[in-house]
Each structure stands twice: as structure tokens, then as C-alpha cells.
C-alpha atoms as a PDB file:
ATOM      1  CA  MET A   1      -0.002  -0.008  -0.003  1.00  0.00           C
ATOM      2  CA  ARG A   2       1.299   3.439  -0.869  1.00  0.00           C
ATOM      3  CA  ALA A   3       1.404   6.287   1.591  1.00  0.00           C
ATOM      4  CA  LYS A   4      -1.107   9.018   0.848  1.00  0.00           C
ATOM      5  CA  PHE A   5       0.699  11.807   2.618  1.00  0.00           C
ATOM      6  CA  ILE A   6       4.304  12.819   2.778  1.00  0.00           C
ATOM      7  CA  TYR A   7       5.182  14.991   5.745  1.00  0.00           C
ATOM      8  CA  GLU A   8       8.088  17.258   5.026  1.00  0.00           C
ATOM      9  CA  LYS A   9      10.043  19.348   7.463  1.00  0.00           C
ATOM     10  CA  PHE A  10       9.963  22.319   5.124  1.00  0.00           C
ATOM     11  CA  THR A  11       7.027  24.567   4.520  1.00  0.00           C
ATOM     12  CA  ASP A  12       6.367  27.324   2.026  1.00  0.00           C
ATOM     13  CA  GLU A  13       7.119  29.936   4.668  1.00  0.00           C
ATOM     14  CA  SER A  14      10.486  28.538   5.735  1.00  0.00           C
ATOM     15  CA  ASP A  15      13.895  28.767   4.126  1.00  0.00           C
ATOM     16  CA  PRO A  16      15.174  25.206   3.541  1.00  0.00           C
ATOM     17  CA  ILE A  17      18.820  26.259   3.363  1.00  0.00           C
ATOM     18  CA  LYS A  18      18.576  27.971   6.731  1.00  0.00           C
ATOM     19  CA  ASP A  19      16.550  25.091   8.217  1.00  0.00           C
ATOM     20  CA  MET A  20      19.263  22.579   7.178  1.00  0.00           C
ATOM     21  CA  GLY A  21      21.998  24.743   8.682  1.00  0.00           C
ATOM     22  CA  ILE A  22      23.944  25.173   5.470  1.00  0.00           C
ATOM     23  CA  GLY A  23      24.746  28.128   3.270  1.00  0.00           C
ATOM     24  CA  MET A  24      26.896  31.192   3.496  1.00  0.00           C
ATOM     25  CA  LEU A  25      24.869  32.937   6.205  1.00  0.00           C
ATOM     26  CA  HIS A  26      25.236  29.899   8.425  1.00  0.00           C
ATOM     27  CA  ARG A  27      28.985  29.882   7.811  1.00  0.00           C
ATOM     28  CA  ILE A  28      29.166  33.570   8.754  1.00  0.00           C
ATOM     29  CA  GLU A  29      27.158  32.921  11.926  1.00  0.00           C
ATOM     30  CA  GLU A  30      29.501  30.086  12.908  1.00  0.00           C
ATOM     31  CA  TRP A  31      32.523  32.310  12.268  1.00  0.00           C
ATOM     32  CA  ILE A  32      31.057  35.051  14.445  1.00  0.00           C
ATOM     33  CA  LYS A  33      30.577  32.523  17.267  1.00  0.00           C
ATOM     34  CA  THR A  34      34.292  31.656  17.103  1.00  0.00           C
ATOM     35  CA  LEU A  35      35.123  35.316  17.856  1.00  0.00           C
ATOM     36  CA  LYS A  36      33.567  34.910  21.331  1.00  0.00           C
ATOM     37  CA  MET A  37      32.102  38.396  21.516  1.00  0.00           C
ATOM     38  CA  TRP A  38      29.908  39.622  24.343  1.00  0.00           C
ATOM     39  CA  TYR A  39      27.278  41.037  22.021  1.00  0.00           C
ATOM     40  CA  PRO A  40      27.701  39.619  18.525  1.00  0.00           C
ATOM     41  CA  PRO A  41      25.725  41.375  15.807  1.00  0.00           C
ATOM     42  CA  ALA A  42      22.620  39.726  14.460  1.00  0.00           C
ATOM     43  CA  ILE A  43      23.104  38.181  11.029  1.00  0.00           C
ATOM     44  CA  THR A  44      20.255  40.360   9.759  1.00  0.00           C
ATOM     45  CA  ASN A  45      22.251  43.512  10.597  1.00  0.00           C
ATOM     46  CA  ILE A  46      24.315  43.537   7.407  1.00  0.00           C
ATOM     47  CA  ASP A  47      26.148  46.771   8.292  1.00  0.00           C
ATOM     48  CA  ALA A  48      27.458  45.366  11.571  1.00  0.00           C
ATOM     49  CA  VAL A  49      28.346  41.951  10.110  1.00  0.00           C
ATOM     50  CA  LEU A  50      30.130  43.524   7.168  1.00  0.00           C
ATOM     51  CA  GLU A  51      32.109  45.798   9.471  1.00  0.00           C
ATOM     52  CA  LEU A  52      32.989  42.846  11.686  1.00  0.00           C
ATOM     53  CA  CYS A  53      34.269  40.893   8.677  1.00  0.00           C
ATOM     54  CA  ILE A  54      36.389  43.802   7.561  1.00  0.00           C
ATOM     55  CA  GLN A  55      37.881  44.490  10.997  1.00  0.00           C
ATOM     56  CA  ASN A  56      38.467  40.901  12.111  1.00  0.00           C
ATOM     57  CA  GLY A  57      39.607  39.404   8.844  1.00  0.00           C
ATOM     58  CA  SER A  58      43.278  39.185   9.710  1.00  0.00           C
ATOM     59  CA  GLY A  59      43.044  35.563  10.880  1.00  0.00           C
ATOM     60  CA  ASN A  60      41.864  34.004   7.637  1.00  0.00           C
ATOM     61  CA  LYS A  61      41.836  36.587   4.880  1.00  0.00           C
ATOM     62  CA  ALA A  62      40.535  34.206   2.200  1.00  0.00           C
ATOM     63  CA  LEU A  63      37.537  33.236   4.334  1.00  0.00           C
ATOM     64  CA  THR A  64      36.613  36.750   5.350  1.00  0.00           C
ATOM     65  CA  ASN A  65      37.055  38.002   1.781  1.00  0.00           C
ATOM     66  CA  GLU A  66      34.588  35.347   0.732  1.00  0.00           C
ATOM     67  CA  PHE A  67      32.146  36.561   3.390  1.00  0.00           C
ATOM     68  CA  ILE A  68      32.625  40.214   2.404  1.00  0.00           C
ATOM     69  CA  ASN A  69      32.055  39.453  -1.270  1.00  0.00           C
ATOM     70  CA  PHE A  70      28.933  37.487  -0.428  1.00  0.00           C
ATOM     71  CA  LEU A  71      27.504  40.228   1.764  1.00  0.00           C
ATOM     72  CA  ILE A  72      28.226  42.977  -0.752  1.00  0.00           C
ATOM     73  CA  ASN A  73      26.818  41.063  -3.726  1.00  0.00           C
ATOM     74  CA  ALA A  74      23.843  39.412  -2.035  1.00  0.00           C
ATOM     75  CA  TYR A  75      22.495  42.363  -0.100  1.00  0.00           C
ATOM     76  CA  ASP A  76      21.868  45.944  -1.037  1.00  0.00           C
ATOM     77  CA  ASN A  77      20.437  47.141   2.268  1.00  0.00           C
ATOM     78  CA  TYR A  78      23.637  48.215   3.937  1.00  0.00           C
ATOM     79  CA  ASP A  79      25.244  51.629   4.278  1.00  0.00           C
ATOM     80  CA  LYS A  80      28.028  51.658   1.686  1.00  0.00           C
ATOM     81  CA  ASP A  81      29.682  54.754   3.179  1.00  0.00           C
ATOM     82  CA  GLU A  82      29.962  53.122   6.612  1.00  0.00           C
ATOM     83  CA  ALA A  83      31.423  49.980   5.069  1.00  0.00           C
ATOM     84  CA  LEU A  84      34.043  52.047   3.279  1.00  0.00           C
ATOM     85  CA  LYS A  85      34.900  53.985   6.457  1.00  0.00           C
ATOM     86  CA  SER A  86      35.630  50.728   8.285  1.00  0.00           C
ATOM     87  CA  CYS A  87      38.093  49.776   5.512  1.00  0.00           C
ATOM     88  CA  ILE A  88      40.237  52.806   6.301  1.00  0.00           C
ATOM     89  CA  LEU A  89      42.446  52.037   9.285  1.00  0.00           C
END
């Protein structure tokens, strides 16, 4: 006998990539956790995450460059002037 219903974990309202714990945003969140900050920025605050990637990228430049490129290309809701200011040290 065949099953009539298939129950899936994912719904139309959810994001399957986020639900599975994969993808670039998940990698960025995991990297932020390794920094052991008191108040890490929320992943939805692109300005703060981008600034954090720029300022703390000395450990693994290839990885943080990948994060920065992703954030710049995937999102357009960040303050470009503030991101450029944090590049100037």
C-alpha cells in the first residue's frame, strides 16, 4: 500500500537552506561565534556583520574576503559609506 501523505520538514514559509544549517549565512554565523564576543551582531544587521568581517579578517583573509564578497553582492540594504569607512584604518 502506498502512503497518501508525505510529511516534510519544510514549509512554504520557511527557508530550507537555513533550516538545514547550510549556506553562506550559516557559515558567517558560525565564524562570528568563534570570535567569542559579548554582544555579537545579528546576522540580519548587514552593516554590523560587514564591518565585523572587515575588521576581524586578519586571521583568515581568504575566508573573510569570501564573506565580504557574499554580503556585498547578495544584499543591497547596507550603508556603503559606513562599510568604506571601516576599511580605512
